[in-house]
Protein backbone atom coordinates (compact mmCIF):
# COMPACT_ATOMS: atom_id res chain seq x y z
CA UNK A 1 -20.97 -22.66 -27.02
CA UNK A 2 -23.33 -20.00 -28.40
CA UNK A 3 -26.32 -22.07 -27.28
CA UNK A 4 -24.87 -22.34 -23.78
CA UNK A 5 -24.26 -18.60 -23.68
CA UNK A 6 -27.82 -17.88 -24.85
CA UNK A 7 -29.23 -20.32 -22.30
CA UNK A 8 -27.20 -18.56 -19.58
CA UNK A 9 -28.55 -15.17 -20.68
CA UNK A 10 -32.14 -16.46 -20.60
CA UNK A 11 -31.62 -17.93 -17.13
CA UNK A 12 -30.04 -14.68 -15.91
CA UNK A 13 -32.92 -12.67 -17.31
CA UNK A 14 -35.49 -14.98 -15.72
CA UNK A 15 -33.62 -14.81 -12.42
CA UNK A 16 -33.52 -11.02 -12.60
CA UNK A 17 -37.25 -10.89 -13.34
CA UNK A 18 -37.88 -13.27 -10.46
CA UNK A 19 -35.94 -10.98 -8.11
CA UNK A 20 -37.89 -8.00 -9.38
CA UNK A 21 -41.14 -9.87 -8.85
CA UNK A 22 -40.09 -10.95 -5.37
CA UNK A 23 -39.09 -7.41 -4.49
CA UNK A 24 -42.42 -6.13 -5.73
CA UNK A 25 -44.22 -8.79 -3.74
CA UNK A 26 -42.35 -7.92 -0.56
CA UNK A 27 -43.06 -4.26 -1.08
CA UNK A 28 -46.73 -5.00 -1.66
CA UNK A 29 -46.85 -7.07 1.51
CA UNK A 30 -46.30 -4.02 3.72
CA UNK A 31 -49.57 -3.82 5.59
CA UNK A 32 -50.91 -2.07 8.63
CA UNK A 33 -50.46 -5.28 10.64
CA UNK A 34 -46.79 -5.68 9.66
CA UNK A 35 -46.11 -2.06 10.60
CA UNK A 36 -47.68 -2.56 14.02
CA UNK A 37 -45.40 -5.56 14.50
CA UNK A 38 -42.42 -3.39 13.54
CA UNK A 39 -43.48 -0.78 16.09
CA UNK A 40 -43.87 -3.42 18.79
CA UNK A 41 -40.49 -4.97 17.93
CA UNK A 42 -38.75 -1.59 18.12
CA UNK A 43 -40.54 -0.50 21.30
CA UNK A 44 -38.93 -3.49 23.01
CA UNK A 45 -35.50 -1.97 22.29
CA UNK A 46 -36.35 0.82 24.76
CA UNK A 47 -37.57 -1.48 27.53
CA UNK A 48 -34.46 -0.63 29.54
CA UNK A 49 -33.65 3.07 29.58
CA UNK A 50 -32.02 5.72 31.77
CA UNK A 51 -33.23 9.15 30.72
CA UNK A 52 -33.17 12.81 31.68
CA UNK A 53 -35.62 14.92 29.70
CA UNK A 54 -37.33 18.30 30.05
CA UNK A 55 -41.00 18.75 29.24
CA UNK A 56 -42.06 22.35 28.60
CA UNK A 57 -45.65 23.57 28.22
CA UNK A 58 -46.42 27.09 26.99
CA UNK A 59 -49.79 28.75 26.52
CA UNK A 60 -50.29 30.48 23.18
CA UNK A 61 -52.23 33.58 22.07
CA UNK A 62 -55.44 31.56 21.63
CA UNK A 63 -55.35 30.01 25.11
CA UNK A 64 -58.27 30.89 27.41
CA UNK A 65 -57.51 33.98 29.49
CA UNK A 66 -58.39 35.02 33.02
CA UNK A 67 -59.20 38.68 33.52
CA UNK A 68 -59.06 40.73 36.70
CA UNK A 69 -62.53 42.34 36.91
CA UNK A 70 -61.24 45.49 38.64
CA UNK A 71 -58.50 46.14 36.07
CA UNK A 72 -60.02 44.39 33.04
CA UNK A 73 -56.57 43.33 31.85
CA UNK A 74 -55.28 40.11 30.35
CA UNK A 75 -52.91 38.19 32.58
CA UNK A 76 -49.68 36.46 31.55
CA UNK A 77 -49.60 33.15 29.73
CA UNK A 78 -49.24 30.00 31.82
CA UNK A 79 -46.08 27.95 31.56
CA UNK A 80 -44.87 24.71 33.06
CA UNK A 81 -41.39 23.19 33.02
CA UNK A 82 -40.92 19.61 34.19
CA UNK A 83 -37.48 18.08 34.66
CA UNK A 84 -37.98 14.32 34.42
CA UNK A 85 -35.61 11.52 35.39
CA UNK A 86 -36.95 8.17 34.20
CA UNK A 87 -35.29 4.79 34.63
CA UNK A 88 -36.80 1.51 33.47
CA UNK A 89 -34.89 -1.73 34.00
CA UNK A 90 -36.09 -5.30 33.62
CA UNK A 91 -39.70 -4.42 34.46
CA UNK A 92 -38.85 -2.12 37.39
CA UNK A 93 -39.00 1.64 37.09
CA UNK A 94 -38.32 4.87 38.94
CA UNK A 95 -39.46 8.33 37.89
CA UNK A 96 -38.61 11.65 39.55
CA UNK A 97 -40.19 14.92 38.42
CA UNK A 98 -39.52 18.48 39.52
CA UNK A 99 -42.09 20.96 38.21
CA UNK A 100 -41.99 24.76 38.06
CA UNK A 101 -45.34 26.26 37.12
CA UNK A 102 -46.39 29.84 36.44
CA UNK A 103 -50.11 30.61 36.38
CA UNK A 104 -52.08 33.30 34.58
CA UNK A 105 -52.81 35.20 37.78
CA UNK A 106 -49.08 35.68 38.35
CA UNK A 107 -48.73 33.05 41.04
CA UNK A 108 -46.23 30.22 40.80
CA UNK A 109 -45.74 26.81 42.30
CA UNK A 110 -43.01 24.24 42.57
CA UNK A 111 -43.91 20.58 42.99
CA UNK A 112 -42.27 17.20 43.07
CA UNK A 113 -43.33 13.67 42.16
CA UNK A 114 -41.44 10.42 42.84
CA UNK A 115 -42.78 7.01 41.89
CA UNK A 116 -41.12 3.59 41.68
CA UNK A 117 -41.88 -0.09 41.27
CA UNK A 118 -39.62 -2.94 42.41
CA UNK A 119 -41.52 -5.93 41.05
CA UNK A 120 -43.80 -6.18 44.10
CA UNK A 121 -44.76 -2.75 45.43
CA UNK A 122 -45.38 0.64 43.79
CA UNK A 123 -44.31 3.57 45.95
CA UNK A 124 -45.44 7.15 45.30
CA UNK A 125 -44.49 10.42 46.99
CA UNK A 126 -46.46 13.50 45.93
CA UNK A 127 -45.70 17.04 47.11
CA UNK A 128 -43.64 15.64 50.02
CA UNK A 129 -46.78 15.15 52.09
CA UNK A 130 -48.74 12.27 50.53
CA UNK A 131 -47.49 8.72 50.05
CA UNK A 132 -49.15 5.72 48.41
CA UNK A 133 -47.82 2.21 49.03
CA UNK A 134 -49.56 0.08 46.40
CA UNK A 135 -49.42 -3.70 46.26
CA UNK A 136 -48.45 -4.72 42.74
CA UNK A 137 -47.75 -2.69 39.63
CA UNK A 138 -49.15 0.80 39.00
CA UNK A 139 -48.11 2.85 36.00
CA UNK A 140 -47.29 6.53 35.92
CA UNK A 141 -48.18 9.54 33.77
CA UNK A 142 -44.50 10.35 33.36
CA UNK A 143 -43.42 7.10 31.73
CA UNK A 144 -41.39 8.21 28.73
CA UNK A 145 -41.92 6.15 25.59
CA UNK A 146 -40.16 7.50 22.48
CA UNK A 147 -42.99 6.23 20.24
CA UNK A 148 -45.62 8.08 22.31
CA UNK A 149 -44.13 11.50 23.04
CA UNK A 150 -46.92 13.26 21.12
CA UNK A 151 -49.66 11.46 23.04
CA UNK A 152 -48.59 11.50 26.68
CA UNK A 153 -51.96 12.56 28.02
CA UNK A 154 -55.39 11.35 29.12
CA UNK A 155 -56.45 7.96 27.69
CA UNK A 156 -53.08 7.37 26.03
CA UNK A 157 -50.85 6.02 28.83
CA UNK A 158 -49.91 2.96 26.80
CA UNK A 159 -47.41 1.84 24.14
CA UNK A 160 -48.09 2.94 20.56
CA UNK A 161 -48.32 -0.70 19.46
CA UNK A 162 -51.14 -1.20 21.99
CA UNK A 163 -52.97 1.88 20.71
CA UNK A 164 -52.69 0.47 17.18
CA UNK A 165 -53.71 -3.08 18.10
CA UNK A 166 -57.44 -2.54 18.53
CA UNK A 167 -60.01 -1.94 21.22
CA UNK A 168 -59.53 -5.30 22.90
CA UNK A 169 -55.78 -4.80 23.29
CA UNK A 170 -56.36 -1.30 24.67
CA UNK A 171 -58.97 -2.56 27.14
CA UNK A 172 -56.56 -5.25 28.34
CA UNK A 173 -53.71 -2.78 28.85
CA UNK A 174 -53.07 -2.20 32.59
CA UNK A 175 -52.32 1.49 31.93
CA UNK A 176 -55.22 2.33 29.63
CA UNK A 177 -58.08 4.55 30.70
CA UNK A 178 -60.34 4.06 27.70
CA UNK A 179 -63.92 5.42 28.02
CA UNK A 180 -66.79 3.19 26.97
CA UNK A 181 -68.33 3.92 23.59
CA UNK A 182 -64.93 4.62 21.97
CA UNK A 183 -63.36 2.54 19.23
CA UNK A 184 -60.58 2.88 16.66
CA UNK A 185 -60.41 2.13 12.95
CA UNK A 186 -57.04 1.84 11.24
CA UNK A 187 -55.56 2.29 7.77
CA UNK A 188 -52.10 2.16 6.17
CA UNK A 189 -51.74 5.13 3.81
CA UNK A 190 -48.44 4.29 2.13
CA UNK A 191 -44.94 5.77 2.14
CA UNK A 192 -44.04 9.43 2.44
CA UNK A 193 -40.91 11.52 2.91
CA UNK A 194 -40.62 13.80 5.94
CA UNK A 195 -37.49 15.88 6.51
CA UNK A 196 -35.51 13.43 4.39
CA UNK A 197 -36.75 10.36 6.27
CA UNK A 198 -38.65 7.50 4.63
CA UNK A 199 -41.85 7.17 6.61
CA UNK A 200 -44.94 4.96 6.61
CA UNK A 201 -48.22 6.81 7.15
CA UNK A 202 -50.78 5.30 9.49
CA UNK A 203 -54.24 6.63 10.25
CA UNK A 204 -56.18 5.79 13.41
CA UNK A 205 -59.73 7.12 13.34
CA UNK A 206 -61.41 7.47 16.71
CA UNK A 207 -65.13 6.69 16.82
CA UNK A 208 -67.42 7.79 19.61
CA UNK A 209 -70.71 5.92 19.74
CA UNK A 210 -69.87 4.58 16.25
CA UNK A 211 -69.39 8.06 14.77
CA UNK A 212 -65.93 9.21 13.55
CA UNK A 213 -64.84 12.19 15.65
CA UNK A 214 -61.05 12.39 15.43
CA UNK A 215 -58.27 11.14 13.18
CA UNK A 216 -54.71 10.54 14.39
CA UNK A 217 -51.97 10.41 11.75
CA UNK A 218 -48.49 9.02 12.35
CA UNK A 219 -45.42 9.15 10.09
CA UNK A 220 -43.37 6.14 11.25
CA UNK A 221 -39.71 6.70 10.38
CA UNK A 222 -38.30 3.39 9.09
CA UNK A 223 -34.68 4.42 9.75
CA UNK A 224 -35.45 5.76 13.22
CA UNK A 225 -36.79 2.57 14.81
CA UNK A 226 -40.30 3.34 13.54
CA UNK A 227 -40.61 6.23 15.98
CA UNK A 228 -43.15 8.76 14.61
CA UNK A 229 -41.24 11.62 13.01
CA UNK A 230 -44.50 13.54 12.55
CA UNK A 231 -47.97 13.47 14.08
CA UNK A 232 -51.27 15.21 13.27
CA UNK A 233 -54.69 15.16 14.88
CA UNK A 234 -57.92 16.26 13.18
CA UNK A 235 -61.31 17.07 14.64
CA UNK A 236 -63.40 15.61 11.84
CA UNK A 237 -66.51 17.68 12.46
CA UNK A 238 -64.31 20.73 12.02
CA UNK A 239 -62.03 19.77 9.13
CA UNK A 240 -60.56 16.70 7.44
CA UNK A 241 -57.56 18.56 6.02
CA UNK A 242 -56.69 21.17 8.68
CA UNK A 243 -55.17 19.54 11.79
CA UNK A 244 -55.87 20.98 15.21
CA UNK A 245 -52.62 19.44 16.55
CA UNK A 246 -49.28 19.03 14.76
CA UNK A 247 -46.12 17.46 16.14
CA UNK A 248 -42.67 16.67 14.79
CA UNK A 249 -39.20 15.56 15.83
CA UNK A 250 -36.90 18.55 15.37
CA UNK A 251 -33.66 16.70 16.09
CA UNK A 252 -32.52 13.11 16.73
CA UNK A 253 -29.88 11.39 18.88
CA UNK A 254 -28.26 8.12 17.81
CA UNK A 255 -27.87 6.57 21.25
CA UNK A 256 -25.85 3.68 19.84
CA UNK A 257 -25.49 2.36 16.27
CA UNK A 258 -29.02 1.80 14.92
CA UNK A 259 -30.78 3.02 18.09
CA UNK A 260 -32.36 6.46 17.81
CA UNK A 261 -34.14 8.75 20.27
CA UNK A 262 -35.81 12.14 19.72
CA UNK A 263 -33.50 14.87 21.00
CA UNK A 264 -36.17 17.55 20.63
CA UNK A 265 -39.84 17.43 19.72
CA UNK A 266 -42.46 20.12 19.39
CA UNK A 267 -46.23 19.69 19.41
CA UNK A 268 -48.53 22.61 18.61
CA UNK A 269 -52.26 22.85 19.23
CA UNK A 270 -54.43 25.37 17.39
CA UNK A 271 -57.68 26.87 18.59
CA UNK A 272 -60.48 24.82 17.04
CA UNK A 273 -62.85 27.75 17.54
CA UNK A 274 -60.64 30.09 15.48
CA UNK A 275 -59.63 27.40 12.98
CA UNK A 276 -63.30 27.01 12.14
CA UNK A 277 -63.24 30.70 11.22
CA UNK A 278 -60.18 30.36 9.02
CA UNK A 279 -57.61 31.50 11.60
CA UNK A 280 -54.72 29.21 12.58
CA UNK A 281 -53.79 30.59 16.01
CA UNK A 282 -51.69 28.68 18.55
CA UNK A 283 -53.47 27.52 21.69
CA UNK A 284 -50.47 25.84 23.31
CA UNK A 285 -47.11 24.23 22.55
CA UNK A 286 -45.40 21.28 24.20
CA UNK A 287 -41.72 20.48 23.85
CA UNK A 288 -39.47 17.62 24.93
CA UNK A 289 -35.73 18.25 25.18
CA UNK A 290 -33.55 15.21 25.90
CA UNK A 291 -30.57 15.91 28.17
CA UNK A 292 -29.20 12.39 28.72
CA UNK A 293 -30.21 8.96 27.47
CA UNK A 294 -28.78 5.46 27.85
CA UNK A 295 -30.26 2.10 26.92
CA UNK A 296 -28.03 0.17 29.32
CA UNK A 297 -29.04 1.14 32.90
CA UNK A 298 -27.19 -0.65 35.69
CA UNK A 299 -29.18 -0.03 38.86
CA UNK A 300 -29.35 -2.02 42.07
CA UNK A 301 -32.80 -3.23 43.19
CA UNK A 302 -32.65 -0.77 46.10
CA UNK A 303 -32.84 2.11 43.59
CA UNK A 304 -36.42 1.02 42.84
CA UNK A 305 -37.29 0.56 46.53
CA UNK A 306 -35.79 3.38 48.54
CA UNK A 307 -38.42 6.07 49.03
CA UNK A 308 -37.60 8.56 51.75
CA UNK A 309 -40.87 9.39 53.50
CA UNK A 310 -40.82 12.72 55.39
CA UNK A 311 -42.12 12.84 58.95
CA UNK A 312 -45.74 13.93 59.05
CA UNK A 313 -46.50 12.69 55.54
CA UNK A 314 -49.90 11.02 55.17
CA UNK A 315 -49.36 7.39 54.11
CA UNK A 316 -51.98 5.21 52.40
CA UNK A 317 -51.48 1.48 52.00
CA UNK A 318 -53.47 0.28 48.99
CA UNK A 319 -54.41 -3.18 47.81
CA UNK A 320 -56.77 -4.03 44.94
CA UNK A 321 -57.47 -0.29 44.55
CA UNK A 322 -58.73 -0.03 48.12
CA UNK A 323 -57.13 1.75 51.06
CA UNK A 324 -56.47 -0.86 53.70
CA UNK A 325 -54.51 1.33 56.13
CA UNK A 326 -53.64 5.00 56.60
CA UNK A 327 -51.43 6.86 59.08
CA UNK A 328 -48.99 9.73 59.42
CA UNK A 329 -45.30 8.99 59.21
CA UNK A 330 -43.70 9.16 62.66
CA UNK A 331 -46.99 9.43 64.54
CA UNK A 332 -49.28 6.99 66.34
CA UNK A 333 -50.36 4.19 64.01
CA UNK A 334 -47.15 4.23 61.97
CA UNK A 335 -46.12 0.53 61.77
CA UNK A 336 -42.52 1.64 61.44
CA UNK A 337 -42.54 2.91 65.03
CA UNK A 338 -42.92 -0.64 66.34
CA UNK A 339 -39.39 -1.33 65.16
CA UNK A 340 -37.95 1.54 67.19
CA UNK A 341 -36.42 0.75 70.61
CA UNK A 342 -38.55 1.83 73.62
CA UNK A 343 -37.66 5.08 75.38
CA UNK A 344 -35.34 4.48 78.36
């Protein structure tokens, strides 16, 4: 009986050690590649989305200024508020943007932007006077991806998993605009805590003509669908430890159990010129504020097709990136007029 008990203890101890070893192995197997797969897997959860979000840009004290020569005075900061409605459903999308912009010279402007894709044609209305009818899929600057809120800008109109998958994947992305001579090098930097969230740090170093010029750092929040909770960008010729751009999620929404979305984010850029001189002065800030979000849109196909074209709008029909026809809505040459009954 004692022998059996001792044998059981030895087996239990060996089993416990095995579990510890297995746990250690699994932990050690976290690599950059497995994290990219996690990002890609979680991005797919947001493939279908119905979203209302505000994007707010504000110039800071270090932003370039325009002066009135006669008065030699500094004008007001520039601001821009964009109210965005974005719906993506089974590969189709529709985005509507209303913008209110205030410029440094005191002038202001309101603008609108509507773009949609129905699986066959991309339709775009800009400023109520220009329309593009594009054969096939065309992306849009206002696509809202929760994993890419910090990087919605030139060159980065792509999923985060694509950005982290190498130059070939980026080049093959239909939405990428990646200049020649650029490449990325990646590294997994381990775990870190940010605002109470367990995060995995990833570095992506941008090379230009084989020289490192910028480093992008992401804190992927494991309990927030691997959405970056924090982001930093460094100009390496300036500093390797003082970021020129910092971003973070200020608040989260749990859309449904286990599905998270940033409720508010803030990204701050600092003047590189002043940072080089030891001064950390804000150049601009960008904020996203989520108003409504659902991951279960239920839209009819017509929602992704119906674009109301105002009379007099200039219409361009585009195929293979070439204009094949142009006309003004409601005027001679408009193919829609051929469907109208003749005047009595």
